[in-house]
Amino acid sequence: MHSQKFKHASASKGDDYEMVAFGDASDGSSDYVLLQLAYEFDDQDRATGMDGIYLEINDQAHGAYKIVHRIEVFLNAVIIHFSSQQLKLPDTLNPFCIPLDDVARLSPDVCATLAGMACRAGIDLENKPTEY
């Protein structure tokens, strides 16, 4: 399991999507992991496989749709299980553990957004009421 600490975790909602981002800079400009899911999908999204959670690690070159298959949420960390081959990343990065530096608890917004995204995308989310 790969583990990388981040300082920030945030949830945001746009007109068409919701997103959870983890990073070292509050604006997401340095190392980061993001999960994004549109509220609705059209026929083109479904035909191209863009009708699921989008996962990106540090760069769009390491981003893909519908590769997340499980998320574990702890009080102070998130573990993302995904298909690393589709991201062209080493298998050692899967699962990707995100413990938050100096954060005792993830914000309720981050937890609720992750739970909603997982439910809508039909993937497993395990909420563990303990610290990682």
Protein backbone atom coordinates (compact mmCIF):
# COMPACT_ATOMS: atom_id res chain seq x y z
CA MET A 1 0.00 0.00 0.00
CA HIS A 2 1.27 3.44 -0.92
CA SER A 3 0.85 6.13 1.70
CA GLN A 4 1.24 9.86 1.10
CA LYS A 5 0.39 12.51 3.66
CA PHE A 6 -1.40 15.65 2.57
CA LYS A 7 -2.14 18.87 4.45
CA HIS A 8 -5.50 19.73 2.89
CA ALA A 9 -8.74 17.93 2.06
CA SER A 10 -11.69 19.74 0.54
CA ALA A 11 -15.05 19.06 -1.02
CA SER A 12 -16.59 21.31 -3.63
CA LYS A 13 -19.64 21.38 -5.84
CA GLY A 14 -19.94 22.92 -9.26
CA ASP A 15 -22.98 23.28 -11.47
CA ASP A 16 -22.32 19.91 -13.13
CA TYR A 17 -20.15 17.95 -10.70
CA GLU A 18 -18.87 17.43 -7.19
CA MET A 19 -15.26 16.88 -6.24
CA VAL A 20 -13.03 15.89 -3.34
CA ALA A 21 -9.40 17.01 -3.48
CA PHE A 22 -6.42 16.16 -1.31
CA GLY A 23 -3.20 18.15 -1.60
CA ASP A 24 -0.30 19.95 -0.03
CA ALA A 25 -1.27 23.37 -1.33
CA SER A 26 -4.77 24.65 -0.62
CA ASP A 27 -5.19 25.50 -4.31
CA GLY A 28 -4.17 21.99 -5.43
CA SER A 29 -1.16 23.23 -7.40
CA SER A 30 1.37 20.73 -6.04
CA ASP A 31 1.03 17.02 -5.26
CA TYR A 32 -2.63 16.10 -5.21
CA VAL A 33 -5.30 13.44 -5.59
CA LEU A 34 -8.77 14.30 -6.77
CA LEU A 35 -12.01 12.44 -7.26
CA GLN A 36 -14.73 14.01 -9.37
CA LEU A 37 -18.20 12.87 -10.40
CA ALA A 38 -20.74 14.57 -12.64
CA TYR A 39 -24.33 14.85 -11.44
CA GLU A 40 -25.75 13.61 -14.74
CA PHE A 41 -24.43 11.68 -17.72
CA ASP A 42 -25.50 11.90 -21.33
CA ASP A 43 -25.33 9.20 -24.01
CA GLN A 44 -21.86 10.35 -25.10
CA ASP A 45 -20.53 10.08 -21.53
CA ARG A 46 -21.86 6.52 -21.29
CA ALA A 47 -20.53 5.59 -24.75
CA THR A 48 -17.02 6.85 -23.92
CA GLY A 49 -16.91 5.42 -20.39
CA MET A 50 -16.94 8.83 -18.71
CA ASP A 51 -19.98 7.97 -16.58
CA GLY A 52 -18.22 7.29 -13.31
CA ILE A 53 -15.84 8.73 -10.78
CA TYR A 54 -12.79 10.40 -12.32
CA LEU A 55 -9.56 9.84 -10.34
CA GLU A 56 -6.46 11.96 -10.97
CA ILE A 57 -3.08 11.73 -9.24
CA ASN A 58 -0.78 14.76 -9.73
CA ASP A 59 -1.46 15.17 -13.45
CA GLN A 60 -4.12 14.56 -16.10
CA ALA A 61 -1.73 11.98 -17.57
CA HIS A 62 -2.50 9.96 -14.44
CA GLY A 63 -6.26 10.32 -14.56
CA ALA A 64 -9.06 8.02 -15.67
CA TYR A 65 -12.77 7.35 -15.26
CA LYS A 66 -14.43 4.37 -13.61
CA ILE A 67 -11.29 2.86 -12.09
CA VAL A 68 -12.11 3.41 -8.40
CA HIS A 69 -13.70 0.29 -6.97
CA ARG A 70 -13.55 0.89 -3.21
CA ILE A 71 -13.00 3.77 -0.79
CA GLU A 72 -12.25 3.40 2.93
CA VAL A 73 -12.86 6.47 5.07
CA PHE A 74 -11.20 6.76 8.48
CA LEU A 75 -11.47 9.72 10.85
CA ASN A 76 -8.16 11.12 9.59
CA ALA A 77 -7.42 9.27 6.34
CA VAL A 78 -8.87 7.92 3.11
CA ILE A 79 -7.76 4.80 1.23
CA ILE A 80 -8.62 4.58 -2.45
CA HIS A 81 -8.56 1.19 -4.20
CA PHE A 82 -8.32 1.50 -7.97
CA SER A 83 -7.08 -0.17 -11.13
CA SER A 84 -3.50 1.10 -11.42
CA GLN A 85 -2.93 -0.34 -14.90
CA GLN A 86 -5.38 2.12 -16.43
CA LEU A 87 -3.43 5.02 -14.91
CA LYS A 88 -0.10 3.63 -16.11
CA LEU A 89 1.20 3.78 -12.55
CA PRO A 90 3.11 1.13 -10.62
CA ASP A 91 0.99 -1.44 -8.79
CA THR A 92 2.72 -0.31 -5.59
CA LEU A 93 0.54 2.83 -5.63
CA ASN A 94 -2.59 0.73 -5.24
CA PRO A 95 -4.27 1.14 -2.85
CA PHE A 96 -3.44 4.80 -2.29
CA CYS A 97 -3.60 5.78 1.37
CA ILE A 98 -4.08 9.45 2.19
CA PRO A 99 -3.43 10.19 5.88
CA LEU A 100 -3.96 13.88 6.59
CA ASP A 101 -1.14 15.73 8.28
CA ASP A 102 -2.21 17.38 11.56
CA VAL A 103 -5.90 16.66 10.95
CA ALA A 104 -7.77 14.87 13.71
CA ARG A 105 -10.92 14.37 11.63
CA LEU A 106 -11.92 14.73 8.02
CA SER A 107 -14.49 17.47 7.58
CA PRO A 108 -18.13 16.37 7.41
CA ASP A 109 -18.32 17.90 3.89
CA VAL A 110 -15.50 15.67 2.62
CA CYS A 111 -17.04 12.56 4.21
CA ALA A 112 -20.54 13.32 2.92
CA THR A 113 -19.29 14.07 -0.60
CA LEU A 114 -17.27 10.86 -0.76
CA ALA A 115 -20.26 8.85 0.48
CA GLY A 116 -22.60 10.47 -2.04
CA MET A 117 -20.17 9.96 -4.91
CA ALA A 118 -19.63 6.30 -4.02
CA CYS A 119 -23.37 5.68 -3.75
CA ARG A 120 -24.15 7.33 -7.10
CA ALA A 121 -21.25 5.56 -8.82
CA GLY A 122 -22.17 2.17 -7.33
CA ILE A 123 -18.82 1.55 -5.65
CA ASP A 124 -18.11 0.30 -2.14
CA LEU A 125 -17.47 2.84 0.59
CA GLU A 126 -16.47 1.60 4.01
CA ASN A 127 -16.78 4.18 6.77
CA LYS A 128 -14.45 3.24 9.63
CA PRO A 129 -15.06 5.30 12.80
CA THR A 130 -11.43 4.96 13.92
CA GLU A 131 -8.18 6.76 13.23
CA TYR A 132 -5.91 5.30 10.61
